[in-house]
Amino acid sequence: YQKALSEGADFVIGPLTKEDVQALNRSGSFSVPTLALNYTDISWGSLPTNFYEFGLLPEDEVTQMVTRARSSGSHAIIIAPNTTWGKRLVSAFSNRWQSAGGSIQDTWYYAANTNFNQDIAHLLNVNPDTDSAQRRHDFDVIFLFAQPQEAHLIVPLLRYYYANNVPIYATSSVYSGTPNPAKDMDLNGVIVCDTPSSRQAAQGGASSNRLSAVGQDAYLLSQTLPRLSELPNFPMYGATGALILSSNHQIHRHVPCTMIQNGLL
């Protein structure tokens, strides 16, 4: 960072990892605008003057899921991995969903050794040993936090066990970024909140690179940050979403939510 300043930089982009961002944040004052590409945990107040944070914060996608889903349901089942990441997103989602007036009927955490067939049947109160096409009816929307491999197991089983008419919302993590319609047919009907660049790439049959989109928007922000500071309620539209600057110097994204159809985002 000091080397960049000594060479005359008037805007610094980086670092990328959370640990390096936290270390830089603690290092002192900032003489030029500095855009870190990750987020620190701010419990109060805001970041130092001239220090800003931007990146692919999954909580931004969670916010869009809540906004979109409240028009189609209010009683939710949450499915997430039993990991730090999964619990973090469940916590973020639960707070936002309940603040929006929604209720949480059940939360199911899965792990590497999970018997998905058995446990999803149990989650939906289905007895797989009978021919009765009955399941629980106390929910009207499902929220899925998963990587592609798990999503390809979970979604077909939800459909198989009679939840085929219940909308499923997911973050971008369920989509690999590489169009594979034959494989992703399993995810048809899932509503995914992802970057605009991912959708544009998928429609063109190309792979998307979300980190590349972050780089594009970091450069855009280096040119337009003063405008965002002066007009924080007017977003800048970039490759990762509509960019909004919060009062604590963190940049958040509004992203589109798109239904997967014919195996394509």
Protein backbone atom coordinates (compact mmCIF):
# COMPACT_ATOMS: atom_id res chain seq x y z
CA TYR A 1 0.00 0.00 0.00
CA GLN A 2 2.76 2.45 0.94
CA LYS A 3 4.64 1.56 -2.24
CA ALA A 4 1.59 2.45 -4.32
CA LEU A 5 1.38 5.81 -2.57
CA SER A 6 5.09 6.47 -3.03
CA GLU A 7 4.66 5.87 -6.76
CA GLY A 8 1.98 8.53 -6.96
CA ALA A 9 -1.24 6.52 -6.81
CA ASP A 10 -4.30 8.70 -6.27
CA PHE A 11 -6.68 5.73 -5.88
CA VAL A 12 -5.84 2.29 -4.47
CA ILE A 13 -7.80 -0.90 -5.19
CA GLY A 14 -7.33 -3.91 -2.91
CA PRO A 15 -6.45 -6.04 -1.07
CA LEU A 16 -8.71 -9.02 -1.78
CA THR A 17 -8.77 -11.33 1.25
CA LYS A 18 -10.71 -10.50 4.40
CA GLU A 19 -7.60 -10.91 6.56
CA ASP A 20 -5.58 -8.45 4.47
CA VAL A 21 -8.48 -5.99 4.39
CA GLN A 22 -8.75 -6.11 8.17
CA ALA A 23 -5.00 -5.62 8.54
CA LEU A 24 -5.01 -2.63 6.18
CA ASN A 25 -8.02 -1.13 7.96
CA ARG A 26 -6.13 -1.26 11.25
CA SER A 27 -2.97 0.23 9.78
CA GLY A 28 -3.96 3.87 10.19
CA SER A 29 -5.25 6.77 8.14
CA PHE A 30 -5.68 6.85 4.36
CA SER A 31 -4.46 9.82 2.34
CA VAL A 32 -6.12 8.70 -0.92
CA PRO A 33 -9.37 6.82 -1.59
CA THR A 34 -8.83 3.10 -1.01
CA LEU A 35 -11.28 0.46 -2.22
CA ALA A 36 -10.83 -2.88 -0.46
CA LEU A 37 -12.26 -5.90 -2.29
CA ASN A 38 -13.73 -7.61 0.76
CA TYR A 39 -15.61 -6.72 3.91
CA THR A 40 -14.63 -6.36 7.53
CA ASP A 41 -17.07 -6.90 10.37
CA ILE A 42 -18.29 -3.49 11.49
CA SER A 43 -20.10 -3.69 14.81
CA TRP A 44 -20.57 0.06 15.12
CA GLY A 45 -19.69 3.32 13.42
CA SER A 46 -18.12 3.36 9.99
CA LEU A 47 -14.84 2.77 8.21
CA PRO A 48 -12.00 5.34 8.26
CA THR A 49 -12.11 8.35 5.99
CA ASN A 50 -11.09 7.45 2.42
CA PHE A 51 -11.47 3.71 3.11
CA TYR A 52 -14.25 1.81 1.33
CA GLU A 53 -15.23 -1.84 0.98
CA PHE A 54 -16.72 -3.66 -2.01
CA GLY A 55 -17.09 -7.25 -3.15
CA LEU A 56 -19.39 -10.21 -3.67
CA LEU A 57 -21.15 -10.10 -0.32
CA PRO A 58 -23.67 -12.99 -0.28
CA GLU A 59 -25.83 -11.08 2.20
CA ASP A 60 -26.63 -8.65 -0.65
CA GLU A 61 -28.13 -11.58 -2.56
CA VAL A 62 -30.03 -12.64 0.57
CA THR A 63 -31.59 -9.17 0.75
CA GLN A 64 -32.81 -9.49 -2.84
CA MET A 65 -34.18 -12.97 -2.14
CA VAL A 66 -36.26 -11.60 0.71
CA THR A 67 -37.54 -8.66 -1.32
CA ARG A 68 -38.50 -10.86 -4.26
CA ALA A 69 -39.94 -13.76 -2.28
CA ARG A 70 -42.28 -11.79 -0.02
CA SER A 71 -44.57 -11.36 -3.02
CA SER A 72 -44.97 -15.12 -3.38
CA GLY A 73 -44.87 -16.47 0.16
CA SER A 74 -44.55 -15.77 3.85
CA HIS A 75 -43.98 -19.19 5.50
CA ALA A 76 -40.47 -20.43 4.77
CA ILE A 77 -38.39 -23.55 4.97
CA ILE A 78 -34.62 -22.92 4.91
CA ILE A 79 -32.10 -25.46 3.62
CA ALA A 80 -28.41 -24.81 4.23
CA PRO A 81 -25.09 -26.57 4.84
CA ASN A 82 -24.02 -27.16 8.42
CA THR A 83 -20.99 -24.90 7.98
CA THR A 84 -19.89 -21.46 9.13
CA TRP A 85 -20.95 -20.07 5.74
CA GLY A 86 -24.34 -21.75 5.88
CA LYS A 87 -25.10 -20.61 9.42
CA ARG A 88 -23.99 -17.07 8.61
CA LEU A 89 -26.39 -16.85 5.67
CA VAL A 90 -29.24 -18.46 7.60
CA SER A 91 -28.77 -15.86 10.34
CA ALA A 92 -28.71 -13.00 7.84
CA PHE A 93 -31.72 -14.35 6.00
CA SER A 94 -33.74 -15.03 9.15
CA ASN A 95 -33.27 -11.50 10.43
CA ARG A 96 -34.29 -9.95 7.11
CA TRP A 97 -37.19 -12.35 6.48
CA GLN A 98 -38.75 -11.90 9.89
CA SER A 99 -38.26 -8.13 9.73
CA ALA A 100 -40.22 -8.22 6.45
CA GLY A 101 -43.08 -10.04 8.17
CA GLY A 102 -42.23 -13.60 7.13
CA SER A 103 -42.13 -16.66 9.36
CA ILE A 104 -39.71 -19.59 9.41
CA GLN A 105 -41.42 -22.96 9.66
CA ASP A 106 -38.28 -25.10 9.63
CA THR A 107 -34.51 -24.96 9.06
CA TRP A 108 -32.68 -28.02 7.83
CA TYR A 109 -28.89 -28.22 7.87
CA TYR A 110 -27.17 -30.88 5.77
CA ALA A 111 -23.60 -32.21 5.92
CA ALA A 112 -21.23 -34.31 3.83
CA ASN A 113 -22.59 -37.57 5.28
CA THR A 114 -26.27 -36.61 4.94
CA ASN A 115 -28.70 -39.11 3.47
CA PHE A 116 -30.45 -36.54 1.28
CA ASN A 117 -33.25 -38.84 0.14
CA GLN A 118 -34.19 -39.87 3.65
CA ASP A 119 -33.73 -36.47 5.29
CA ILE A 120 -35.66 -34.45 2.68
CA ALA A 121 -38.54 -36.93 2.93
CA HIS A 122 -38.47 -36.40 6.69
CA LEU A 123 -38.25 -32.62 6.31
CA LEU A 124 -41.41 -32.64 4.19
CA ASN A 125 -43.17 -35.19 6.43
CA VAL A 126 -43.32 -37.73 3.62
CA ASN A 127 -43.19 -41.47 4.22
CA PRO A 128 -41.20 -42.80 1.24
CA ASP A 129 -42.35 -46.36 2.00
CA THR A 130 -45.98 -45.63 1.13
CA ASP A 131 -47.76 -44.54 -2.02
CA SER A 132 -49.45 -41.61 -0.29
CA ALA A 133 -48.66 -38.34 -2.10
CA GLN A 134 -48.91 -36.31 1.09
CA ARG A 135 -46.50 -33.78 2.56
CA ARG A 136 -46.64 -31.00 5.12
CA HIS A 137 -48.50 -27.86 3.98
CA ASP A 138 -47.36 -25.25 6.50
CA PHE A 139 -44.88 -23.56 4.12
CA ASP A 140 -45.20 -21.73 0.81
CA VAL A 141 -41.59 -20.89 -0.10
CA ILE A 142 -38.19 -22.60 0.17
CA PHE A 143 -34.82 -20.88 0.52
CA LEU A 144 -31.79 -22.87 -0.55
CA PHE A 145 -28.16 -22.14 0.31
CA ALA A 146 -25.97 -24.66 -1.49
CA GLN A 147 -23.10 -25.27 -3.87
CA PRO A 148 -23.94 -26.73 -7.31
CA GLN A 149 -23.22 -30.35 -6.35
CA GLU A 150 -25.64 -30.29 -3.40
CA ALA A 151 -28.24 -28.22 -5.26
CA HIS A 152 -28.40 -30.89 -7.98
CA LEU A 153 -29.29 -33.44 -5.30
CA ILE A 154 -31.67 -31.34 -3.24
CA VAL A 155 -33.89 -29.69 -5.85
CA PRO A 156 -34.98 -32.89 -7.67
CA LEU A 157 -35.74 -34.54 -4.31
CA LEU A 158 -37.88 -31.57 -3.24
CA ARG A 159 -39.81 -31.97 -6.47
CA TYR A 160 -40.03 -35.74 -6.08
CA TYR A 161 -41.48 -35.42 -2.59
CA TYR A 162 -44.36 -33.25 -3.78
CA ALA A 163 -42.95 -29.73 -3.28
CA ASN A 164 -43.00 -29.18 -7.05
CA ASN A 165 -45.39 -26.21 -6.85
CA VAL A 166 -43.45 -24.36 -4.12
CA PRO A 167 -41.10 -21.58 -5.29
CA ILE A 168 -37.42 -22.13 -4.48
CA TYR A 169 -35.06 -19.16 -4.10
CA ALA A 170 -31.28 -19.48 -4.04
CA THR A 171 -28.13 -17.38 -3.99
CA SER A 172 -25.63 -17.42 -6.86
CA SER A 173 -23.70 -20.25 -5.20
CA VAL A 174 -26.04 -22.86 -6.76
CA TYR A 175 -24.92 -21.86 -10.28
CA SER A 176 -21.42 -22.85 -11.36
CA GLY A 177 -21.08 -19.97 -13.83
CA THR A 178 -20.56 -22.34 -16.77
CA PRO A 179 -23.65 -22.97 -18.93
CA ASN A 180 -24.54 -26.66 -18.91
CA PRO A 181 -28.23 -26.90 -19.85
CA ALA A 182 -28.35 -30.70 -19.84
CA LYS A 183 -27.08 -30.85 -16.26
CA ASP A 184 -28.79 -27.71 -14.97
CA MET A 185 -32.22 -28.92 -16.09
CA ASP A 186 -32.32 -30.30 -12.53
CA LEU A 187 -32.52 -26.70 -11.32
CA ASN A 188 -35.38 -25.60 -13.59
CA GLY A 189 -37.76 -23.29 -11.75
CA VAL A 190 -35.24 -22.23 -9.11
CA ILE A 191 -35.06 -18.45 -8.78
CA VAL A 192 -31.40 -17.42 -8.49
CA CYS A 193 -30.18 -13.99 -7.35
CA ASP A 194 -26.91 -13.47 -9.22
CA THR A 195 -24.83 -10.79 -10.92
CA PRO A 196 -26.08 -9.27 -14.20
CA SER A 197 -22.85 -10.40 -15.86
CA SER A 198 -23.58 -14.05 -14.98
CA ARG A 199 -26.98 -13.90 -16.64
CA GLN A 200 -25.64 -12.11 -19.71
CA ALA A 201 -22.86 -14.67 -20.10
CA ALA A 202 -25.28 -17.60 -19.69
CA GLN A 203 -27.63 -16.19 -22.32
CA GLY A 204 -24.69 -15.94 -24.69
CA GLY A 205 -23.54 -19.48 -23.95
CA ALA A 206 -20.36 -18.28 -22.25
CA SER A 207 -18.89 -18.91 -18.81
CA SER A 208 -19.05 -16.10 -16.29
CA ASN A 209 -16.25 -15.01 -14.00
CA ARG A 210 -17.64 -13.20 -10.98
CA LEU A 211 -14.20 -12.07 -9.80
CA SER A 212 -13.59 -10.52 -13.21
CA ALA A 213 -16.90 -8.67 -12.79
CA VAL A 214 -15.65 -7.39 -9.42
CA GLY A 215 -12.54 -6.09 -11.14
CA GLN A 216 -14.61 -4.29 -13.76
CA ASP A 217 -16.75 -2.65 -11.11
CA ALA A 218 -13.74 -1.76 -8.96
CA TYR A 219 -12.37 0.23 -11.89
CA LEU A 220 -15.81 1.80 -12.44
CA LEU A 221 -15.91 2.82 -8.79
CA SER A 222 -12.44 4.34 -9.01
CA GLN A 223 -13.92 6.75 -11.54
CA THR A 224 -17.33 7.34 -9.95
CA LEU A 225 -16.93 7.05 -6.17
CA PRO A 226 -17.32 10.83 -5.62
CA ARG A 227 -20.63 10.71 -7.46
CA LEU A 228 -21.84 7.81 -5.28
CA SER A 229 -20.77 9.72 -2.17
CA GLU A 230 -22.72 12.79 -3.20
CA LEU A 231 -25.79 10.88 -4.44
CA PRO A 232 -25.88 7.70 -2.33
CA ASN A 233 -29.49 6.86 -3.26
CA PHE A 234 -28.75 6.79 -6.98
CA PRO A 235 -26.97 3.54 -7.88
CA MET A 236 -24.22 2.94 -10.37
CA TYR A 237 -25.07 0.03 -12.65
CA GLY A 238 -22.15 -2.34 -13.02
CA ALA A 239 -21.28 -5.93 -13.90
CA THR A 240 -22.00 -7.16 -10.36
CA GLY A 241 -25.27 -5.26 -9.86
CA ALA A 242 -26.63 -1.84 -9.02
CA LEU A 243 -24.06 -0.37 -6.63
CA ILE A 244 -25.13 1.65 -3.59
CA LEU A 245 -22.82 3.35 -1.07
CA SER A 246 -23.96 2.96 2.54
CA SER A 247 -23.31 5.51 5.26
CA ASN A 248 -20.59 3.27 6.77
CA HIS A 249 -18.49 3.30 3.54
CA GLN A 250 -19.51 -0.18 2.43
CA ILE A 251 -20.74 -0.62 -1.14
CA HIS A 252 -23.68 -2.98 -1.54
CA ARG A 253 -25.23 -4.55 -4.61
CA HIS A 254 -28.80 -4.88 -5.82
CA VAL A 255 -28.85 -7.95 -8.06
CA PRO A 256 -31.52 -9.39 -10.37
CA CYS A 257 -33.28 -12.63 -9.46
CA THR A 258 -33.87 -14.88 -12.46
CA MET A 259 -35.65 -18.22 -12.83
CA ILE A 260 -33.62 -21.03 -14.38
CA GLN A 261 -35.44 -22.24 -17.50
CA ASN A 262 -34.36 -25.01 -19.85
CA GLY A 263 -31.23 -25.37 -17.75
CA LEU A 264 -30.15 -21.75 -18.32
CA LEU A 265 -29.98 -18.78 -15.98
